[in-house]
Amino acid sequence: MGVVGAFMVPHPPLIIPEVGGGRQKGISDTIRSYEKVAGMVAGLKPDTIVVSTPHSVMYSDYFHISPGDTAEGSFADFGAPQVSIGADYDTAFVKKLCMLAANENVDAGVGGEKNPALDHGTLIPLYFITKKYTNFDLVRIGLSGLPLTEHYRLGMLIKRTANELNRRVVYIASGDLSHKLKEDGPYGFVPDGPRYEERIMDVMGRAAFGELLEFDELFLEKVAECGHRSFVMMAGALDRTAVNVSRLSHEGPFGVGYGVCTYEVDEASDGSGRNFLDQFLAKEEIRRSEQRAKEDLLVRLARKSLETYIREHREIRYEEVRDGLIEEAKNKDIDKMIALLENERAGAFVSLHKDGRLRGCIGTIAPTRDRLADEIIENAVSASTRDPRFMPVTVDELDHIEYSVDVLSPAEPIDSPDQLDVKRYGVIVTNGGRRGLLLPNLDTIDTVEEQIAIAKKKAGIGVNEPVKLSRFEVVRHT
């Protein structure tokens, strides 16, 4: 048996009449789509319904799978406590899935539950489904801050669990789209919001699940979506599976996007070519290899410093690696780079990224060493082991780390935010002994106001506290 169908659905509380109080008429297309989804689920007669939801407990490094035998929830938080739904959990499915996750080193399990009540990301799909079908057990899975690839991997284990237990399983990927579609919406507007809507509905409407893995993590944060990881996990549950897709509806009149798509398993096809995670990882390896081949001398020095420290637990000396790095770089500006490293003093930041997300960033505002080469060597080690926001980099991660080195110009005091430009200048904010810095030209920062606010937050300076401003320029090496 296994996974027999899957559905992408939103979870606006106002879709429930007792909550919406008439406002639900504004998303009538979504309601009609939900009713069709419920009828399709009933026709598939699943033994188990798996729901992935962004509103269960969510951890940065762990997938929470709800424990216990049964659960219930209501819309009390939305003013309708009289609307409640309960379900029995498929405990055998949960046990098997947790065992497979442990065996495959996927960080998932039943620990860490904070609220056993069903969340609205689960309740809303069940509200429609249980009107037409009730003969099922439930598995509820929260999302995490882990990479998209890990969400896909957990989806693959859901498929494997369904097959090994011989369950008929329907997968419900609960999630809204961008929350940034209208100026007068609850979360405001960003231009990338509608762009995400168009792109995600195109991808999901074609069942082109491999493209889900190609969305930039910073872009996803910027558009304030809540369902993307849920859709990726569903894609994993349909790995190597041919599907018949139907795009039922897409609307967002209240400033949040709601999309509904259905995926019926096509048992007549073998699903060849739909091993999307394998394809994505192969492309990523080629991309990283090509990127490494283009790294300039400064970045190669940062990489050599970090990798040596992690593997051999020692800091390199510039002289011991100089000739080898120069031979590898073969850069047309190599003489300029050598002179910069050996003859100049400057502050420098080393930034690490993995899977499209920041993995560490440490630097110096002004030079602390006699030459830039030593500044980079020290800061590369610090970025990998001493950034308090992250655990130290491990040997297994080294092949996946991408680097940039920012060389700073001397900071200069300024009188007004009008003298800043987020693309050109970094900012330093100072209040007494507290000081915060933010580099320029960061993907998620669009305005000077945002730039100053984040720098103040990093320094522990209150939003309304006064600060002295300085600016600096950087040369970014990749």
Protein backbone atom coordinates (compact mmCIF):
# COMPACT_ATOMS: atom_id res chain seq x y z
CA MET A 1 0.00 0.00 0.00
CA GLY A 2 1.95 3.05 1.22
CA VAL A 3 1.22 6.71 0.47
CA VAL A 4 -1.82 6.80 -1.81
CA GLY A 5 -2.37 10.54 -2.05
CA ALA A 6 -1.19 13.92 -0.76
CA PHE A 7 -2.66 17.39 -0.42
CA MET A 8 -1.28 20.90 -0.04
CA VAL A 9 -3.72 22.94 2.04
CA PRO A 10 -3.73 26.22 4.03
CA HIS A 11 -4.99 26.80 7.55
CA PRO A 12 -6.70 30.20 7.93
CA PRO A 13 -8.75 30.07 11.18
CA LEU A 14 -11.43 32.32 9.71
CA ILE A 15 -12.34 29.53 7.29
CA ILE A 16 -14.22 28.02 10.25
CA PRO A 17 -17.68 29.71 10.24
CA GLU A 18 -17.75 30.10 14.02
CA VAL A 19 -14.44 31.95 13.80
CA GLY A 20 -14.91 33.79 10.53
CA GLY A 21 -18.33 35.17 11.34
CA GLY A 22 -19.01 35.70 7.66
CA ARG A 23 -15.49 36.75 6.64
CA GLN A 24 -14.89 33.23 5.33
CA LYS A 25 -16.94 34.20 2.28
CA GLY A 26 -13.89 36.15 1.15
CA ILE A 27 -12.03 32.88 0.53
CA SER A 28 -14.85 30.93 -1.07
CA ASP A 29 -12.51 29.34 -3.63
CA THR A 30 -10.41 27.91 -0.81
CA ILE A 31 -13.51 26.55 0.92
CA ARG A 32 -14.70 24.83 -2.25
CA SER A 33 -11.22 23.37 -2.74
CA TYR A 34 -11.14 22.11 0.82
CA GLU A 35 -14.48 20.38 0.36
CA LYS A 36 -13.14 18.68 -2.75
CA VAL A 37 -10.01 17.61 -0.87
CA ALA A 38 -12.17 16.09 1.87
CA GLY A 39 -14.12 14.12 -0.71
CA MET A 40 -10.92 12.86 -2.32
CA VAL A 41 -9.51 11.78 1.04
CA ALA A 42 -12.73 9.89 1.77
CA GLY A 43 -12.45 8.17 -1.60
CA LEU A 44 -8.91 7.04 -0.85
CA LYS A 45 -10.01 5.47 2.46
CA PRO A 46 -6.68 5.89 4.29
CA ASP A 47 -5.78 3.92 7.40
CA THR A 48 -3.57 6.78 8.53
CA ILE A 49 -3.45 10.51 7.83
CA VAL A 50 -0.07 12.19 8.33
CA VAL A 51 -0.24 15.95 8.88
CA SER A 52 2.85 18.15 8.84
CA THR A 53 2.14 21.49 10.50
CA PRO A 54 4.13 24.64 11.29
CA HIS A 55 2.02 25.24 14.39
CA SER A 56 2.95 22.19 16.43
CA VAL A 57 6.00 22.63 18.64
CA MET A 58 8.95 23.61 16.44
CA TYR A 59 12.64 23.22 17.26
CA SER A 60 15.65 24.54 15.39
CA ASP A 61 17.39 21.16 15.20
CA TYR A 62 14.73 18.52 15.78
CA PHE A 63 11.44 17.26 14.32
CA HIS A 64 8.76 16.73 16.95
CA ILE A 65 6.41 13.80 16.30
CA SER A 66 3.41 13.92 18.61
CA PRO A 67 3.35 11.13 21.22
CA GLY A 68 0.50 9.43 23.03
CA ASP A 69 -2.63 7.55 22.04
CA THR A 70 -5.05 10.36 21.32
CA ALA A 71 -5.30 14.15 21.13
CA GLU A 72 -7.93 16.85 20.90
CA GLY A 73 -7.98 20.52 20.11
CA SER A 74 -10.39 23.41 19.74
CA PHE A 75 -10.59 26.89 18.29
CA ALA A 76 -10.74 28.49 21.73
CA ASP A 77 -7.75 30.71 20.87
CA PHE A 78 -9.85 32.12 18.04
CA GLY A 79 -13.01 32.69 20.02
CA ALA A 80 -14.79 29.41 19.21
CA PRO A 81 -14.13 26.91 22.01
CA GLN A 82 -17.28 25.02 21.05
CA VAL A 83 -15.61 23.79 17.85
CA SER A 84 -13.37 20.91 18.86
CA ILE A 85 -11.94 17.86 17.11
CA GLY A 86 -10.24 14.76 18.45
CA ALA A 87 -8.31 11.93 16.84
CA ASP A 88 -6.52 8.72 17.77
CA TYR A 89 -2.83 8.56 16.98
CA ASP A 90 -1.31 5.72 14.98
CA THR A 91 1.13 4.70 17.70
CA ALA A 92 2.67 1.87 15.69
CA PHE A 93 3.38 4.26 12.82
CA VAL A 94 4.99 6.77 15.17
CA LYS A 95 7.16 4.10 16.80
CA LYS A 96 8.34 2.76 13.44
CA LEU A 97 9.03 6.24 12.06
CA CYS A 98 11.07 7.21 15.11
CA MET A 99 13.10 4.00 14.83
CA LEU A 100 13.86 4.62 11.15
CA ALA A 101 14.77 8.24 11.86
CA ALA A 102 17.24 7.14 14.55
CA ASN A 103 18.78 4.59 12.19
CA GLU A 104 19.15 7.16 9.40
CA ASN A 105 20.48 9.95 11.66
CA VAL A 106 17.44 12.17 11.13
CA ASP A 107 16.85 14.19 14.30
CA ALA A 108 13.21 13.33 14.98
CA GLY A 109 11.25 11.82 17.84
CA VAL A 110 8.45 12.18 20.36
CA GLY A 111 10.42 14.15 22.95
CA GLY A 112 9.91 17.78 23.78
CA GLU A 113 6.15 18.06 23.60
CA LYS A 114 4.97 21.36 25.08
CA ASN A 115 1.26 21.27 24.30
CA PRO A 116 -0.54 18.01 23.47
CA ALA A 117 -3.58 19.82 22.07
CA LEU A 118 -4.02 19.71 18.30
CA ASP A 119 -2.94 22.98 16.72
CA HIS A 120 -4.98 24.88 14.14
CA GLY A 121 -2.63 23.78 11.36
CA THR A 122 -3.91 20.27 12.07
CA LEU A 123 -7.46 21.09 13.15
CA ILE A 124 -8.48 22.94 9.99
CA PRO A 125 -7.74 20.06 7.58
CA LEU A 126 -9.42 17.66 10.01
CA TYR A 127 -12.45 19.96 10.26
CA PHE A 128 -13.21 19.38 6.60
CA ILE A 129 -12.03 15.77 6.34
CA THR A 130 -13.97 14.46 9.34
CA LYS A 131 -17.22 15.69 7.84
CA LYS A 132 -16.78 13.03 5.16
CA TYR A 133 -14.41 10.44 6.61
CA THR A 134 -13.47 9.43 10.15
CA ASN A 135 -12.07 5.91 9.91
CA PHE A 136 -8.40 6.84 10.27
CA ASP A 137 -5.64 7.30 12.81
CA LEU A 138 -3.51 10.42 12.90
CA VAL A 139 0.21 11.20 12.87
CA ARG A 140 1.12 14.84 13.57
CA ILE A 141 4.61 16.11 12.75
CA GLY A 142 6.07 19.53 13.46
CA LEU A 143 8.53 21.34 11.20
CA SER A 144 12.02 22.40 12.25
CA GLY A 145 14.77 24.89 11.54
CA LEU A 146 16.81 22.16 9.88
CA PRO A 147 17.64 22.49 6.16
CA LEU A 148 15.06 21.79 3.49
CA THR A 149 16.93 18.62 2.58
CA GLU A 150 16.33 17.21 6.08
CA HIS A 151 12.59 17.84 5.72
CA TYR A 152 12.66 15.89 2.46
CA ARG A 153 14.58 13.05 4.13
CA LEU A 154 12.00 12.78 6.90
CA GLY A 155 9.30 12.65 4.22
CA MET A 156 11.12 9.74 2.62
CA LEU A 157 11.06 7.92 5.96
CA ILE A 158 7.31 8.54 6.22
CA LYS A 159 6.90 6.83 2.86
CA ARG A 160 9.13 3.95 3.99
CA THR A 161 7.16 3.57 7.22
CA ALA A 162 3.89 3.42 5.31
CA ASN A 163 5.29 0.72 3.02
CA GLU A 164 6.82 -1.39 5.77
CA LEU A 165 3.63 -1.29 7.87
CA ASN A 166 1.44 -1.84 4.81
CA ARG A 167 -0.64 1.24 5.66
CA ARG A 168 -2.82 3.21 3.27
CA VAL A 169 -1.56 6.71 4.03
CA VAL A 170 -2.76 10.14 2.98
CA TYR A 171 -0.33 13.00 3.52
CA ILE A 172 -1.63 16.48 4.41
CA ALA A 173 0.91 19.29 4.01
CA SER A 174 -0.62 22.10 6.06
CA GLY A 175 0.82 25.53 5.39
CA ASP A 176 0.01 29.05 4.28
CA LEU A 177 2.09 30.86 1.69
CA SER A 178 3.54 34.37 2.07
CA HIS A 179 2.19 36.55 4.88
CA LYS A 180 3.50 39.72 3.19
CA LEU A 181 1.01 40.34 0.38
CA LYS A 182 -0.75 43.58 1.34
CA GLU A 183 0.22 46.83 3.03
CA ASP A 184 -3.00 46.70 5.05
CA GLY A 185 -2.60 43.00 5.82
CA PRO A 186 -1.67 41.78 9.30
CA TYR A 187 2.03 41.45 8.43
CA GLY A 188 2.55 44.18 5.85
CA PHE A 189 3.95 43.92 2.32
CA VAL A 190 7.23 43.11 0.61
CA PRO A 191 7.60 42.91 -3.18
CA ASP A 192 8.99 39.39 -2.90
CA GLY A 193 5.72 38.22 -1.32
CA PRO A 194 3.75 38.07 -4.58
CA ARG A 195 6.84 36.70 -6.34
CA TYR A 196 6.89 33.79 -3.93
CA GLU A 197 3.18 33.18 -4.51
CA GLU A 198 3.64 32.97 -8.26
CA ARG A 199 6.68 30.75 -8.04
CA ILE A 200 5.42 28.34 -5.37
CA MET A 201 2.06 27.82 -7.07
CA ASP A 202 3.82 27.14 -10.36
CA VAL A 203 6.13 24.58 -8.73
CA MET A 204 3.36 22.87 -6.78
CA GLY A 205 0.97 23.03 -9.72
CA ARG A 206 3.47 21.04 -11.81
CA ALA A 207 4.48 18.72 -8.96
CA ALA A 208 8.05 19.83 -9.76
CA PHE A 209 9.13 19.01 -6.24
CA GLY A 210 12.84 19.21 -6.90
CA GLU A 211 12.48 22.96 -7.36
CA LEU A 212 11.23 23.29 -3.78
CA LEU A 213 14.77 22.58 -2.63
CA GLU A 214 16.16 25.43 -4.73
CA PHE A 215 14.40 28.24 -2.85
CA ASP A 216 16.85 30.46 -0.98
CA GLU A 217 16.43 30.28 2.79
CA LEU A 218 16.84 34.05 3.21
CA PHE A 219 14.18 34.63 0.56
CA LEU A 220 11.80 32.33 2.44
CA GLU A 221 12.37 34.29 5.65
CA LYS A 222 11.80 37.57 3.87
CA VAL A 223 8.39 36.58 2.48
CA ALA A 224 7.27 35.15 5.86
CA GLU A 225 5.88 31.89 4.52
CA CYS A 226 4.91 29.16 6.92
CA GLY A 227 4.24 26.16 4.69
CA HIS A 228 7.30 25.66 2.53
CA ARG A 229 8.95 23.07 4.78
CA SER A 230 5.64 21.25 5.08
CA PHE A 231 5.45 21.03 1.29
CA VAL A 232 9.05 19.78 1.13
CA MET A 233 8.31 17.04 3.66
CA MET A 234 5.30 16.00 1.57
CA ALA A 235 7.56 15.91 -1.50
CA GLY A 236 9.83 13.49 0.34
CA ALA A 237 6.84 11.27 1.12
CA LEU A 238 6.24 11.15 -2.66
CA ASP A 239 9.87 10.54 -3.59
CA ARG A 240 10.21 8.30 -6.67
CA THR A 241 6.42 8.39 -7.03
CA ALA A 242 4.47 9.47 -10.09
CA VAL A 243 1.46 11.64 -9.29
CA ASN A 244 -1.52 13.17 -11.05
CA VAL A 245 -1.61 16.77 -9.89
CA SER A 246 -4.47 19.23 -9.80
CA ARG A 247 -4.12 22.89 -8.83
CA LEU A 248 -7.49 23.71 -7.27
CA SER A 249 -7.20 27.28 -6.03
CA HIS A 250 -4.99 30.16 -4.99
CA GLU A 251 -6.11 33.35 -3.29
CA GLY A 252 -4.93 35.85 -0.69
CA PRO A 253 -7.46 38.61 -0.09
CA PHE A 254 -6.43 39.17 3.53
CA GLY A 255 -2.70 39.57 2.90
CA VAL A 256 -1.79 35.88 3.37
CA GLY A 257 -1.57 33.39 0.51
CA TYR A 258 -3.73 30.26 0.48
CA GLY A 259 -3.02 27.54 -2.08
CA VAL A 260 -4.63 24.13 -2.58
CA CYS A 261 -3.18 21.37 -4.77
CA THR A 262 -3.91 17.63 -4.88
CA TYR A 263 -1.60 14.73 -5.72
CA GLU A 264 -3.03 11.31 -6.51
CA VAL A 265 -0.51 8.51 -6.82
CA ASP A 266 -0.26 7.11 -10.34
CA GLU A 267 0.38 3.43 -9.72
CA ALA A 268 0.70 2.74 -13.44
CA SER A 269 3.97 4.70 -13.58
CA ASP A 270 7.23 3.75 -11.86
CA GLY A 271 8.12 7.33 -10.87
CA SER A 272 11.50 7.21 -12.59
CA GLY A 273 13.25 10.55 -12.61
CA ARG A 274 11.45 11.73 -9.48
CA ASN A 275 14.30 11.08 -7.05
CA PHE A 276 14.49 14.81 -6.41
CA LEU A 277 16.74 14.83 -3.35
CA ASP A 278 19.41 12.74 -5.08
CA GLN A 279 19.30 15.05 -8.08
CA PHE A 280 19.50 18.18 -5.94
CA LEU A 281 22.45 16.93 -3.89
CA ALA A 282 24.33 15.98 -7.04
CA LYS A 283 23.80 19.47 -8.50
CA GLU A 284 24.83 21.09 -5.23
CA GLU A 285 28.07 19.13 -5.17
CA ILE A 286 28.89 20.32 -8.69
CA ARG A 287 28.00 23.92 -7.77
CA ARG A 288 30.17 23.87 -4.64
CA SER A 289 33.05 22.33 -6.57
CA GLU A 290 32.82 25.05 -9.21
CA GLN A 291 32.63 27.71 -6.50
CA ARG A 292 35.71 26.36 -4.75
CA ALA A 293 37.61 26.46 -8.04
CA LYS A 294 36.88 30.20 -8.31
CA GLU A 295 37.81 31.16 -4.75
CA ASP A 296 40.38 33.92 -4.52
CA LEU A 297 43.49 33.82 -2.35
CA LEU A 298 41.88 35.39 0.73
CA VAL A 299 39.03 32.89 0.78
CA ARG A 300 41.39 29.96 0.19
CA LEU A 301 43.40 31.11 3.20
CA ALA A 302 40.25 31.24 5.35
CA ARG A 303 39.24 27.76 4.19
CA LYS A 304 42.70 26.32 4.83
CA SER A 305 42.79 27.88 8.30
CA LEU A 306 39.38 26.55 9.28
CA GLU A 307 39.80 23.06 7.84
CA THR A 308 43.23 22.59 9.41
CA TYR A 309 41.95 23.69 12.80
CA ILE A 310 38.91 21.40 12.70
CA ARG A 311 40.84 18.38 11.40
CA GLU A 312 44.18 18.82 13.18
CA HIS A 313 43.27 21.06 16.15
CA ARG A 314 45.96 23.61 15.38
CA GLU A 315 46.26 27.05 13.83
CA ILE A 316 48.26 27.30 10.63
CA ARG A 317 51.07 29.77 9.99
CA TYR A 318 50.73 31.80 6.82
CA GLU A 319 54.23 30.90 5.64
CA GLU A 320 53.54 27.15 5.71
CA VAL A 321 50.57 27.39 3.32
CA ARG A 322 51.49 30.46 1.24
CA ASP A 323 53.04 28.79 -1.81
CA GLY A 324 50.45 26.03 -2.03
CA LEU A 325 47.54 28.47 -1.89
CA ILE A 326 49.09 30.73 -4.50
CA GLU A 327 49.51 27.76 -6.84
CA GLU A 328 45.88 26.75 -6.32
CA ALA A 329 44.43 30.23 -6.76
CA LYS A 330 45.94 31.08 -10.16
CA ASN A 331 44.00 34.34 -9.96
CA LYS A 332 44.68 37.19 -12.37
CA ASP A 333 44.90 39.52 -9.35
CA ILE A 334 47.24 37.20 -7.48
CA ASP A 335 50.03 39.77 -7.04
CA LYS A 336 47.53 42.28 -5.67
CA MET A 337 46.11 39.67 -3.29
CA ILE A 338 49.56 38.69 -2.04
CA ALA A 339 50.44 42.31 -1.36
CA LEU A 340 47.14 42.82 0.46
CA LEU A 341 47.65 39.79 2.70
CA GLU A 342 51.32 40.44 3.48
CA ASN A 343 51.62 44.22 3.55
CA GLU A 344 48.26 45.60 4.68
CA ARG A 345 46.56 45.79 8.06
CA ALA A 346 42.74 45.82 8.18
CA GLY A 347 39.76 44.53 10.05
CA ALA A 348 38.19 41.49 8.42
CA PHE A 349 35.11 39.32 8.83
CA VAL A 350 34.95 35.66 7.84
CA SER A 351 31.42 34.42 7.10
CA LEU A 352 30.43 30.77 6.76
CA HIS A 353 27.29 29.48 5.06
CA LYS A 354 25.87 25.99 4.83
CA ASP A 355 22.74 24.95 2.93
CA GLY A 356 22.06 28.59 2.16
CA ARG A 357 22.07 29.63 5.82
CA LEU A 358 24.59 31.43 7.99
CA ARG A 359 26.80 28.95 9.88
CA GLY A 360 29.14 31.40 11.57
CA CYS A 361 30.50 34.94 11.27
CA ILE A 362 33.27 36.52 13.34
CA GLY A 363 35.48 39.48 12.56
CA THR A 364 37.40 42.49 13.70
CA ILE A 365 36.30 46.09 13.13
CA ALA A 366 39.90 47.32 13.12
CA PRO A 367 43.16 45.41 12.65
CA THR A 368 44.48 43.46 15.63
CA ARG A 369 47.38 41.70 13.85
CA ASP A 370 50.44 42.92 11.99
CA ARG A 371 49.10 41.78 8.62
CA LEU A 372 45.77 40.90 7.05
CA ALA A 373 46.82 37.26 6.48
CA ASP A 374 46.97 36.63 10.23
CA GLU A 375 43.70 38.51 10.77
CA ILE A 376 41.94 36.12 8.37
CA ILE A 377 43.58 32.99 9.82
CA GLU A 378 42.42 33.89 13.34
CA ASN A 379 38.92 35.00 12.36
CA ALA A 380 38.27 31.89 10.26
CA VAL A 381 38.95 29.74 13.31
CA SER A 382 36.74 31.99 15.45
CA ALA A 383 33.88 31.88 12.94
CA SER A 384 33.91 28.08 13.02
CA THR A 385 34.28 27.55 16.77
CA ARG A 386 33.54 30.73 18.75
CA ASP A 387 30.39 32.24 17.28
CA PRO A 388 28.01 31.97 20.29
CA ARG A 389 24.99 31.55 17.99
CA PHE A 390 26.19 28.19 16.65
CA MET A 391 27.73 24.92 17.71
CA PRO A 392 31.31 24.45 16.48
CA VAL A 393 31.71 23.25 12.90
CA THR A 394 32.36 19.51 12.63
CA VAL A 395 34.54 17.52 10.24
CA ASP A 396 31.45 16.13 8.49
CA GLU A 397 30.35 19.66 7.57
CA LEU A 398 33.57 20.86 5.97
CA ASP A 399 32.73 19.86 2.41
CA HIS A 400 29.45 21.80 2.66
CA ILE A 401 30.76 25.08 4.06
CA GLU A 402 30.94 28.12 1.76
CA TYR A 403 33.06 31.13 2.64
CA SER A 404 33.27 34.86 2.18
CA VAL A 405 35.84 37.30 3.54
CA ASP A 406 35.01 40.98 4.02
CA VAL A 407 37.95 43.35 4.33
CA LEU A 408 36.89 46.54 6.11
CA SER A 409 37.93 50.10 5.46
CA PRO A 410 38.57 52.27 8.55
CA ALA A 411 35.28 53.31 10.17
CA GLU A 412 34.29 56.98 10.04
CA PRO A 413 31.78 58.71 12.33
CA ILE A 414 28.64 60.13 10.70
CA ASP A 415 26.01 62.56 11.90
CA SER A 416 22.86 61.06 10.42
CA PRO A 417 21.35 57.84 9.05
CA ASP A 418 20.99 59.80 5.80
CA GLN A 419 24.71 59.19 5.30
CA LEU A 420 24.17 55.43 5.18
CA ASP A 421 23.43 53.15 2.23
CA VAL A 422 22.67 49.51 3.05
CA LYS A 423 24.31 48.27 -0.13
CA ARG A 424 27.50 50.33 0.16
CA TYR A 425 28.12 50.93 3.87
CA GLY A 426 28.19 48.79 6.96
CA VAL A 427 27.16 50.44 10.21
CA ILE A 428 28.53 50.56 13.75
CA VAL A 429 26.24 51.72 16.55
CA THR A 430 27.65 52.74 19.94
CA ASN A 431 26.07 53.56 23.29
CA GLY A 432 28.58 53.80 26.12
CA GLY A 433 30.43 50.49 26.24
CA ARG A 434 27.94 48.70 24.00
CA ARG A 435 28.73 48.44 20.31
CA GLY A 436 27.09 46.57 17.46
CA LEU A 437 28.11 46.12 13.83
CA LEU A 438 26.30 45.02 10.70
CA LEU A 439 27.98 44.36 7.38
CA PRO A 440 26.66 45.99 4.19
CA ASN A 441 24.88 44.36 1.26
CA LEU A 442 23.11 41.61 3.19
CA ASP A 443 20.31 39.81 1.38
CA THR A 444 17.64 40.35 4.02
CA ILE A 445 18.34 44.03 4.78
CA ASP A 446 16.58 46.53 2.51
CA THR A 447 16.51 49.76 4.52
CA VAL A 448 18.81 51.83 6.71
CA GLU A 449 16.22 51.61 9.49
CA GLU A 450 16.44 47.82 9.45
CA GLN A 451 20.23 47.97 9.37
CA ILE A 452 20.45 50.21 12.44
CA ALA A 453 17.77 48.26 14.33
CA ILE A 454 19.56 44.95 13.86
CA ALA A 455 22.94 46.43 14.82
CA LYS A 456 21.36 47.86 18.00
CA LYS A 457 19.78 44.50 18.82
CA LYS A 458 23.12 42.74 18.41
CA ALA A 459 24.65 45.22 20.87
CA GLY A 460 21.83 44.89 23.41
CA ILE A 461 20.86 48.52 22.85
CA GLY A 462 17.16 49.34 23.20
CA VAL A 463 15.10 50.40 20.20
CA ASN A 464 14.62 53.94 21.54
CA GLU A 465 18.07 54.41 23.05
CA PRO A 466 20.30 56.96 21.30
CA VAL A 467 23.43 55.79 19.51
CA LYS A 468 26.48 57.23 17.84
CA LEU A 469 26.82 56.07 14.24
CA SER A 470 29.87 55.14 12.20
CA ARG A 471 30.05 53.71 8.72
CA PHE A 472 32.58 51.65 6.81
CA GLU A 473 32.97 50.07 3.40
CA VAL A 474 34.06 46.52 2.62
CA VAL A 475 35.61 44.58 -0.22
CA ARG A 476 33.89 41.18 -0.28
CA HIS A 477 35.92 38.19 -1.38
CA THR A 478 34.26 34.90 -2.38
